[in-house]
Every structure is written in C-alpha cells, then in structure tokens.
Amino acid sequence: MTVLAWACLSLALLPLGLGLWNMLLFRTPKKYDLPGTSVSILIPARNEEATIAASVGAALASTGVAVEVVVLDDHSTDRTADIVRGIAERDPRVRLETAPPLPPGWSGKQHACWVLAQRARYGLLLFQDADVCLSPDAAARAAGFLMRRPDLGLVSGFPRELTGSLPEHLVVPQIHVLLLGYLPMGMMRLLRAPGLGAGCGQFMLARRDAYEAVGGHSSIRTSLHDGVTLPRVFRRGGYMTDIFDATRLARCRMYRGWGEVWSGFGKNATEGMATPVALPVWTLLLGGGHVLPWLLAPVAWLAGETQALDLLALALVCSMGYRVLLGFRFRQCPAGVLLHPLGVVLMLAIQWAALLGKRRGRAATWRGRTYPSAG
C-alpha cells in the first residue's frame, strides 16, 4: 500500500509542479504598436445561425490592426449565409464566400480553412471557429505575439471556454488540466520537435508565407484535430509554433450538453491521446495522479496504514490544489473543480471509447458529415 501511495503522490506532484511553472509562461500577449499591419480573419461556417452574427460582429470590432472578415458558408442548410450576407451589405470589410463541393479525402473544416486561406487578401491569416467571439484587441495582440520572433510560423490562443451544463463543467476544463500539467512549455519554446507542437483550433494565427510553404490545411486534409496536427506540420516544415492564454481575448462555448461533449471530444481523440501506445500512459498519469488516491485513501484508513494514508492525503492536496489553481486562473465553474476526479474519469472514458471504436472501424460523425475513423 505504501508503494502505491508513493506512486500516487509522484503522479500528483508532476502536474502541480509543471503546472506552476507553465502558468508563468502561459500568458496573455502584450500590446504591440503595429502600424500598417493587416489581418484576414477567416471563419468556416456550417449551420452556425445561432452564433455567426456575434462572431462576425466581434471580429469587426477589432482595433490596432486593419482587418477583413471572410466567412465561408460550408453548405449550410440554415440561415447562416443570409445573416452574413446582411452584415456584408452594411460593412465592406466582410465577405461571404461559398465552399466548393467537399473533395474526397478531406474533412470539412480543413477544406474550408484551406479555401479561406486562398481567398484571403492579407499576409496574416487568423483562423477562428464560428462560435468564437474575439475581444477588440485580440487580433492585434495575437499578431504582435506572432511577429515578435522571425522563426514563428503559427501561434494559437486558448479562449475562455464557457460551460453551461454539468458534463461541460466536468470535461471541458480538462483541456487546461492536460495543457498546463503535462506540456513542457519551456522545451516547446526551445526545441522544434513536432511532438511538442500544440494549439487550439478555435483560434490560430499564421504567417501566409509559412502557411503556404508547409501546405497549410492541405497537409492535414483528413484530420479532425487541427489543434494538434497543424502545429506539428509547421514544426516539421522548419517553423516554430507557440501558444498563449486567450482567456481575456476570446470566448467560446464549444459544446452544449452531454451528447455534444461526448461526440465532440471523441471525434478527434485518436489523433491525440487515444492511441494504443499513448492512452495506457495517459490512463496511468491521469488515473494514478487524480483518481486513484481517492480510491485508496479509504482502504488505507480502514487498514490502519498510517504512512500510506498520509502520502495519499498529500497526493489529494496536490491534485486538488492544482485543479483549484486552474479554476481560479481560467474562471472555471466551481462544480467542475470540486468534482475533478469524475471529470478525469469521464475524459478517459471518452478516449477509451474512441480508441475501441476505431479498432472496430466505427466512423466519426460531426456537423452532419461522416468520416472514416481518423488516426
């Protein structure tokens, strides 16, 4: 029991220690003076009538850089195109484009982003999801963050993730649990290794020349997880990538309810955690550090294992202390913080279901389209 307790403590200390260091590195970009800088804000949209007006309106309110807002209607069956067309009639900075038919072998979002990049006018390409709302200085701060280093080809911001139901409170914040607790950001900024590439597909800014040099979204045409795959393409192509805290620069409610949480995280799981090699390791890291201490502590107490109980209690303090810090820093719902072990269990369950589904040949479905199991 004592050996297990020591293992739990070690696994709980890892994200706490790395997370504290990463919180110093993961910052909101500074304001830069960027005279003459122009940004193309590119929004792929498929059946987004509920959010597209707010998203476009927020992009148009950008300050510090000149912007154009290009929306690609990806064969929507709702009022998405009509809403954008109405905005474009009032503001010449907005253009509505229509997506060509989806070619075989492409996922819908990667094709839409690739088409948008070809139709953009400016040298900085800001890809954002249609449910993301930018703050007025978001585009300028992101542009300054990208342009501060000549070797950077792509940067990505992690928006404030709004949650409105218990499944969302539990699972969505695991993005920050994983990012801050297990990605060595110091190494990411020193080394060009593709495996250190990370990003958030909701908010990515690229230099056009670098984007074209590496093939952009055409290089990840089958992917459903551009947050992981696109930064790695840039790194393999000889460019550095970086990430920043966009909590104060953008907001998004990525999923609504349990069904969207399960399908949304599951659709791209096999391009991230849910591989036959990686997922057992992730299960050990997350389960051992955040879940197992809760299971072993009552056993140690009943067995009178005082040393083991003390170690497990310390592991719980480390695990929950880390989660409390994340909740405070990123303004997350207290319910998700208090029920953190359950959130870890649900995240792992989604990953294992995705891996097993892939092995059985189950297809991924998203936005009314079905794709062969990615990976």
Protein backbone atom coordinates (compact mmCIF):
# COMPACT_ATOMS: atom_id res chain seq x y z
CA MET A 1 0.00 0.00 0.00
CA THR A 2 2.82 2.40 0.86
CA VAL A 3 4.46 1.81 -2.53
CA LEU A 4 1.19 2.60 -4.28
CA ALA A 5 0.78 5.70 -2.16
CA TRP A 6 4.25 6.92 -3.11
CA ALA A 7 3.39 6.33 -6.79
CA CYS A 8 0.14 8.33 -6.45
CA LEU A 9 2.00 11.19 -4.78
CA SER A 10 4.62 11.26 -7.53
CA LEU A 11 1.92 11.28 -10.22
CA ALA A 12 0.06 14.09 -8.44
CA LEU A 13 3.20 16.17 -7.96
CA LEU A 14 4.03 16.10 -11.68
CA PRO A 15 1.13 18.26 -12.94
CA LEU A 16 1.29 20.52 -9.91
CA GLY A 17 4.98 21.27 -10.37
CA LEU A 18 4.88 21.59 -14.14
CA GLY A 19 1.59 23.47 -13.96
CA LEU A 20 3.00 26.11 -11.62
CA TRP A 21 5.94 26.68 -13.97
CA ASN A 22 3.72 26.72 -17.07
CA MET A 23 1.38 29.28 -15.52
CA LEU A 24 4.32 31.69 -15.51
CA LEU A 25 4.97 31.02 -19.22
CA PHE A 26 1.38 30.82 -20.46
CA ARG A 27 0.46 34.49 -20.57
CA THR A 28 -1.80 36.93 -22.39
CA PRO A 29 0.21 38.58 -25.20
CA LYS A 30 1.40 42.14 -24.66
CA LYS A 31 0.15 45.08 -26.67
CA TYR A 32 2.40 45.98 -29.59
CA ASP A 33 2.40 49.01 -31.87
CA LEU A 34 1.69 47.51 -35.31
CA PRO A 35 1.25 50.33 -37.84
CA GLY A 36 0.26 49.11 -41.28
CA THR A 37 -0.48 45.55 -40.13
CA SER A 38 -3.49 43.82 -41.67
CA VAL A 39 -5.11 40.55 -40.63
CA SER A 40 -7.53 38.32 -42.52
CA ILE A 41 -10.00 36.85 -40.03
CA LEU A 42 -11.20 33.60 -41.58
CA ILE A 43 -14.33 31.86 -40.31
CA PRO A 44 -15.53 28.49 -41.64
CA ALA A 45 -19.27 28.25 -41.01
CA ARG A 46 -21.62 25.30 -41.37
CA ASN A 47 -25.08 25.73 -39.84
CA GLU A 48 -23.98 28.45 -37.41
CA GLU A 49 -27.01 30.75 -37.46
CA ALA A 50 -27.10 30.89 -33.65
CA THR A 51 -23.58 32.29 -33.27
CA ILE A 52 -22.34 33.72 -36.56
CA ALA A 53 -23.66 37.27 -36.14
CA ALA A 54 -21.98 37.71 -32.76
CA SER A 55 -18.76 36.14 -34.04
CA VAL A 56 -18.54 38.39 -37.12
CA GLY A 57 -19.56 41.45 -35.13
CA ALA A 58 -16.81 40.85 -32.58
CA ALA A 59 -14.22 40.38 -35.34
CA LEU A 60 -15.28 43.67 -36.97
CA ALA A 61 -14.74 45.48 -33.67
CA SER A 62 -11.01 44.65 -33.82
CA THR A 63 -8.64 47.52 -33.06
CA GLY A 64 -4.90 48.03 -33.56
CA VAL A 65 -4.79 46.29 -36.95
CA ALA A 66 -6.76 46.53 -40.17
CA VAL A 67 -9.00 43.50 -40.71
CA GLU A 68 -11.08 41.81 -43.31
CA VAL A 69 -13.56 39.15 -42.20
CA VAL A 70 -14.10 36.33 -44.65
CA VAL A 71 -16.82 33.79 -43.88
CA LEU A 72 -17.02 30.59 -45.89
CA ASP A 73 -20.51 29.14 -45.95
CA ASP A 74 -19.85 25.41 -45.98
CA HIS A 75 -23.14 24.20 -47.46
CA SER A 76 -25.27 25.35 -44.55
CA THR A 77 -28.94 24.39 -44.50
CA ASP A 78 -29.95 27.14 -42.06
CA ARG A 79 -29.82 30.97 -42.23
CA THR A 80 -26.04 31.26 -41.81
CA ALA A 81 -25.41 32.64 -45.31
CA ASP A 82 -28.32 35.10 -45.15
CA ILE A 83 -27.11 36.52 -41.82
CA VAL A 84 -23.56 37.04 -43.10
CA ARG A 85 -24.83 38.48 -46.38
CA GLY A 86 -26.83 41.05 -44.45
CA ILE A 87 -23.76 42.07 -42.42
CA ALA A 88 -21.65 42.31 -45.60
CA GLU A 89 -24.16 44.70 -47.14
CA ARG A 90 -23.57 47.07 -44.23
CA ASP A 91 -19.80 46.66 -43.86
CA PRO A 92 -17.47 46.24 -46.87
CA ARG A 93 -14.83 44.56 -44.67
CA VAL A 94 -17.00 41.43 -44.62
CA ARG A 95 -17.07 38.94 -47.48
CA LEU A 96 -19.26 35.89 -47.80
CA GLU A 97 -17.75 33.05 -49.80
CA THR A 98 -19.32 29.75 -50.75
CA ALA A 99 -17.43 26.49 -50.28
CA PRO A 100 -16.86 24.28 -53.30
CA PRO A 101 -18.05 20.67 -53.02
CA LEU A 102 -16.06 18.73 -50.43
CA PRO A 103 -13.39 16.71 -52.28
CA PRO A 104 -12.88 13.04 -51.39
CA GLY A 105 -10.39 12.51 -48.60
CA TRP A 106 -10.90 15.89 -46.94
CA SER A 107 -12.57 16.71 -43.64
CA GLY A 108 -14.99 19.60 -43.84
CA LYS A 109 -13.19 22.09 -41.59
CA GLN A 110 -9.73 21.55 -43.09
CA HIS A 111 -11.11 22.03 -46.60
CA ALA A 112 -13.00 25.15 -45.54
CA CYS A 113 -9.89 26.65 -43.92
CA TRP A 114 -7.77 25.83 -46.97
CA VAL A 115 -10.26 27.55 -49.28
CA LEU A 116 -10.44 30.55 -46.96
CA ALA A 117 -6.65 30.89 -46.99
CA GLN A 118 -6.67 31.01 -50.80
CA ARG A 119 -9.28 33.77 -50.79
CA ALA A 120 -7.70 35.92 -48.06
CA ARG A 121 -6.06 39.20 -49.05
CA TYR A 122 -3.59 39.80 -46.24
CA GLY A 123 -0.34 38.28 -45.02
CA LEU A 124 -1.59 37.24 -41.57
CA LEU A 125 -4.26 34.54 -41.50
CA LEU A 126 -6.37 34.28 -38.35
CA PHE A 127 -8.49 31.12 -38.37
CA GLN A 128 -11.30 31.15 -35.81
CA ASP A 129 -14.36 28.99 -35.24
CA ALA A 130 -17.79 30.45 -35.89
CA ASP A 131 -18.74 30.24 -32.21
CA VAL A 132 -15.72 32.26 -31.03
CA CYS A 133 -16.06 35.93 -30.10
CA LEU A 134 -12.84 37.95 -30.08
CA SER A 135 -12.16 40.92 -27.83
CA PRO A 136 -11.35 44.17 -29.70
CA ASP A 137 -7.58 43.79 -29.15
CA ALA A 138 -7.37 40.02 -29.71
CA ALA A 139 -6.22 40.12 -33.34
CA ALA A 140 -3.62 42.82 -32.65
CA ARG A 141 -2.20 41.08 -29.59
CA ALA A 142 -2.02 37.75 -31.44
CA ALA A 143 -0.31 39.45 -34.39
CA GLY A 144 2.26 41.06 -32.10
CA PHE A 145 2.88 37.72 -30.39
CA LEU A 146 3.49 36.07 -33.76
CA MET A 147 5.69 38.82 -35.19
CA ARG A 148 7.95 39.13 -32.14
CA ARG A 149 10.06 36.20 -33.38
CA PRO A 150 11.02 35.71 -37.04
CA ASP A 151 11.12 31.92 -36.72
CA LEU A 152 7.47 31.66 -35.65
CA GLY A 153 5.09 30.46 -38.34
CA LEU A 154 1.98 29.77 -36.25
CA VAL A 155 0.63 30.80 -32.86
CA SER A 156 -2.56 29.74 -31.13
CA GLY A 157 -4.65 31.11 -28.29
CA PHE A 158 -6.79 29.13 -25.88
CA PRO A 159 -10.05 31.08 -25.36
CA ARG A 160 -12.17 31.20 -22.24
CA GLU A 161 -14.30 28.07 -22.55
CA LEU A 162 -17.84 28.82 -21.39
CA THR A 163 -19.73 25.89 -19.88
CA GLY A 164 -23.41 25.61 -19.07
CA SER A 165 -24.16 22.04 -18.03
CA LEU A 166 -22.56 19.58 -15.61
CA PRO A 167 -20.92 17.44 -18.34
CA GLU A 168 -19.37 20.60 -19.78
CA HIS A 169 -18.18 21.75 -16.33
CA LEU A 170 -16.53 18.37 -15.80
CA VAL A 171 -14.91 17.60 -19.15
CA VAL A 172 -14.18 20.87 -20.99
CA PRO A 173 -11.76 22.20 -18.32
CA GLN A 174 -9.67 19.05 -18.76
CA ILE A 175 -8.18 20.89 -21.75
CA HIS A 176 -6.31 23.13 -19.32
CA VAL A 177 -5.56 20.24 -16.96
CA LEU A 178 -3.70 18.49 -19.77
CA LEU A 179 -2.15 21.56 -21.35
CA LEU A 180 -0.70 23.15 -18.23
CA GLY A 181 0.05 19.97 -16.31
CA TYR A 182 1.73 17.83 -18.95
CA LEU A 183 3.13 20.00 -21.77
CA PRO A 184 6.67 21.26 -21.05
CA MET A 185 6.20 24.77 -22.44
CA GLY A 186 9.80 25.76 -21.77
CA MET A 187 11.02 22.94 -24.00
CA MET A 188 8.31 23.73 -26.56
CA ARG A 189 9.76 27.23 -26.98
CA LEU A 190 13.35 25.98 -27.28
CA LEU A 191 13.00 22.87 -29.45
CA ARG A 192 11.35 22.41 -32.84
CA ALA A 193 10.36 18.77 -32.20
CA PRO A 194 6.93 18.14 -33.81
CA GLY A 195 5.74 16.25 -30.73
CA LEU A 196 5.94 19.48 -28.73
CA GLY A 197 3.55 21.26 -31.09
CA ALA A 198 0.25 22.28 -29.53
CA GLY A 199 -2.60 24.62 -30.32
CA CYS A 200 -6.31 25.26 -30.18
CA GLY A 201 -8.22 25.02 -33.45
CA GLN A 202 -10.64 27.69 -32.25
CA PHE A 203 -8.04 30.49 -32.57
CA MET A 204 -4.92 30.13 -34.74
CA LEU A 205 -2.84 32.80 -36.48
CA ALA A 206 -0.33 32.01 -39.22
CA ARG A 207 2.06 33.88 -41.49
CA ARG A 208 0.86 33.38 -45.05
CA ASP A 209 4.35 32.63 -46.38
CA ALA A 210 4.94 29.94 -43.76
CA TYR A 211 1.43 28.56 -44.21
CA GLU A 212 1.92 28.18 -47.94
CA ALA A 213 5.42 26.73 -47.52
CA VAL A 214 4.19 23.85 -45.34
CA GLY A 215 0.98 23.26 -47.28
CA GLY A 216 -1.31 24.61 -44.56
CA HIS A 217 -4.55 22.74 -44.06
CA SER A 218 -3.99 20.71 -47.22
CA SER A 219 -1.26 18.87 -45.28
CA ILE A 220 -3.81 17.73 -42.68
CA ARG A 221 -6.77 17.24 -45.02
CA THR A 222 -8.05 14.09 -43.28
CA SER A 223 -7.59 15.44 -39.76
CA LEU A 224 -10.37 16.26 -37.31
CA HIS A 225 -7.94 17.71 -34.75
CA ASP A 226 -6.15 20.70 -36.26
CA GLY A 227 -5.17 21.93 -32.81
CA VAL A 228 -2.65 19.09 -32.65
CA THR A 229 -1.90 18.31 -36.29
CA LEU A 230 -1.42 21.79 -37.79
CA PRO A 231 1.30 22.97 -35.36
CA ARG A 232 3.17 19.74 -35.98
CA VAL A 233 3.06 20.37 -39.75
CA PHE A 234 4.65 23.79 -39.22
CA ARG A 235 7.35 22.31 -36.99
CA ARG A 236 8.15 19.56 -39.47
CA GLY A 237 8.43 22.28 -42.10
CA GLY A 238 11.11 24.13 -40.12
CA TYR A 239 8.97 26.75 -38.34
CA MET A 240 8.42 27.25 -34.63
CA THR A 241 4.96 27.42 -33.11
CA ASP A 242 3.76 28.87 -29.80
CA ILE A 243 0.65 29.19 -27.67
CA PHE A 244 -0.77 31.89 -25.41
CA ASP A 245 -3.51 32.46 -22.87
CA ALA A 246 -6.53 33.95 -24.66
CA THR A 247 -8.86 33.81 -21.65
CA ARG A 248 -9.24 37.62 -21.78
CA LEU A 249 -9.06 37.81 -25.57
CA ALA A 250 -11.73 35.38 -26.77
CA ARG A 251 -14.64 33.32 -25.51
CA CYS A 252 -16.41 30.27 -26.83
CA ARG A 253 -18.94 27.70 -25.74
CA MET A 254 -17.59 24.76 -27.65
CA TYR A 255 -20.21 22.14 -26.74
CA ARG A 256 -23.70 22.09 -25.26
CA GLY A 257 -24.77 19.12 -23.17
CA TRP A 258 -23.56 15.57 -22.77
CA GLY A 259 -24.18 14.45 -26.35
CA GLU A 260 -22.00 17.17 -27.87
CA VAL A 261 -19.32 16.74 -25.20
CA TRP A 262 -19.05 13.00 -25.91
CA SER A 263 -19.11 13.26 -29.71
CA GLY A 264 -17.02 16.43 -29.81
CA PHE A 265 -14.15 15.11 -27.72
CA GLY A 266 -14.49 11.64 -29.20
CA LYS A 267 -14.35 12.62 -32.87
CA ASN A 268 -10.68 13.60 -32.79
CA ALA A 269 -9.46 11.57 -29.81
CA THR A 270 -7.47 9.07 -31.87
CA GLU A 271 -5.32 11.92 -33.25
CA GLY A 272 -4.34 12.94 -29.72
CA MET A 273 -4.47 10.86 -26.55
CA ALA A 274 -6.37 7.83 -27.79
CA THR A 275 -3.66 5.79 -29.50
CA PRO A 276 -2.73 2.24 -28.48
CA VAL A 277 0.63 3.43 -27.11
CA ALA A 278 -0.33 6.80 -25.62
CA LEU A 279 -3.65 6.06 -23.94
CA PRO A 280 -2.36 3.49 -21.41
CA VAL A 281 0.30 6.03 -20.43
CA TRP A 282 -2.29 8.80 -20.10
CA THR A 283 -4.51 6.49 -18.07
CA LEU A 284 -1.63 5.85 -15.68
CA LEU A 285 -0.72 9.55 -15.42
CA LEU A 286 -4.25 10.88 -15.00
CA GLY A 287 -5.84 7.97 -13.19
CA GLY A 288 -2.89 7.47 -10.87
CA GLY A 289 -2.48 11.12 -10.01
CA HIS A 290 -6.07 12.36 -9.85
CA VAL A 291 -8.39 9.37 -9.25
CA LEU A 292 -6.56 6.51 -7.53
CA PRO A 293 -5.74 8.47 -4.33
CA TRP A 294 -9.48 8.89 -3.71
CA LEU A 295 -9.98 5.13 -4.04
CA LEU A 296 -7.00 4.08 -1.95
CA ALA A 297 -7.38 6.56 0.91
CA PRO A 298 -10.44 4.81 2.48
CA VAL A 299 -8.71 1.45 2.11
CA ALA A 300 -5.58 2.75 3.83
CA TRP A 301 -7.68 4.28 6.63
CA LEU A 302 -9.61 1.04 7.23
CA ALA A 303 -6.39 -0.97 7.19
CA GLY A 304 -4.65 1.37 9.61
CA GLU A 305 -1.87 2.11 7.11
CA THR A 306 -0.91 5.46 8.62
CA GLN A 307 2.09 6.21 6.40
CA ALA A 308 0.19 5.32 3.25
CA LEU A 309 -2.78 7.43 4.37
CA ASP A 310 -0.52 10.43 4.94
CA LEU A 311 1.02 10.06 1.49
CA LEU A 312 -2.39 9.69 -0.15
CA ALA A 313 -3.69 12.75 1.68
CA LEU A 314 -0.73 14.73 0.36
CA ALA A 315 -1.43 13.41 -3.14
CA LEU A 316 -5.04 14.62 -2.83
CA VAL A 317 -3.85 18.04 -1.71
CA CYS A 318 -1.53 18.26 -4.74
CA SER A 319 -4.15 17.08 -7.23
CA MET A 320 -6.99 19.22 -5.94
CA GLY A 321 -4.69 22.16 -5.26
CA TYR A 322 -3.62 22.12 -8.92
CA ARG A 323 -7.24 21.94 -10.03
CA VAL A 324 -8.25 24.84 -7.76
CA LEU A 325 -5.45 26.97 -9.21
CA LEU A 326 -6.66 26.24 -12.74
CA GLY A 327 -10.24 27.01 -11.81
CA PHE A 328 -9.26 30.36 -10.34
CA ARG A 329 -6.85 31.32 -13.16
CA PHE A 330 -9.21 30.43 -16.02
CA ARG A 331 -12.50 31.39 -14.34
CA GLN A 332 -13.95 27.87 -14.40
CA CYS A 333 -17.12 26.63 -12.72
CA PRO A 334 -16.60 25.57 -9.06
CA ALA A 335 -18.68 22.42 -9.63
CA GLY A 336 -16.14 21.16 -12.14
CA VAL A 337 -13.32 21.90 -9.71
CA LEU A 338 -14.95 20.06 -6.79
CA LEU A 339 -15.83 17.06 -8.97
CA HIS A 340 -12.45 16.99 -10.70
CA PRO A 341 -11.82 13.22 -10.27
CA LEU A 342 -15.13 12.49 -12.00
CA GLY A 343 -14.12 14.81 -14.84
CA VAL A 344 -10.88 12.85 -15.30
CA VAL A 345 -12.81 9.56 -15.34
CA LEU A 346 -15.21 10.90 -17.99
CA MET A 347 -12.37 12.21 -20.14
CA LEU A 348 -10.60 8.85 -20.02
CA ALA A 349 -13.86 7.04 -20.78
CA ILE A 350 -14.33 9.17 -23.91
CA GLN A 351 -10.76 8.42 -25.01
CA TRP A 352 -11.07 4.67 -24.46
CA ALA A 353 -14.43 4.57 -26.26
CA ALA A 354 -12.87 6.40 -29.22
CA LEU A 355 -9.90 4.02 -29.36
CA LEU A 356 -12.08 0.92 -29.16
CA GLY A 357 -14.44 2.40 -31.73
CA LYS A 358 -11.56 3.00 -34.11
CA ARG A 359 -10.36 -0.58 -33.75
CA ARG A 360 -13.87 -1.72 -34.68
CA GLY A 361 -13.91 0.58 -37.71
CA ARG A 362 -16.51 2.97 -36.30
CA ALA A 363 -16.74 6.22 -38.27
CA ALA A 364 -16.65 9.69 -36.75
CA THR A 365 -19.64 11.97 -37.32
CA TRP A 366 -19.62 15.75 -36.99
CA ARG A 367 -21.71 18.58 -38.42
CA GLY A 368 -23.80 16.15 -40.42
CA ARG A 369 -20.80 14.53 -42.12
CA THR A 370 -19.37 11.07 -41.53
CA TYR A 371 -15.65 10.38 -41.77
CA PRO A 372 -13.65 7.15 -41.60
CA SER A 373 -12.06 6.71 -38.19
CA ALA A 374 -9.15 9.14 -38.06
CA GLY A 375 -5.66 8.28 -36.99
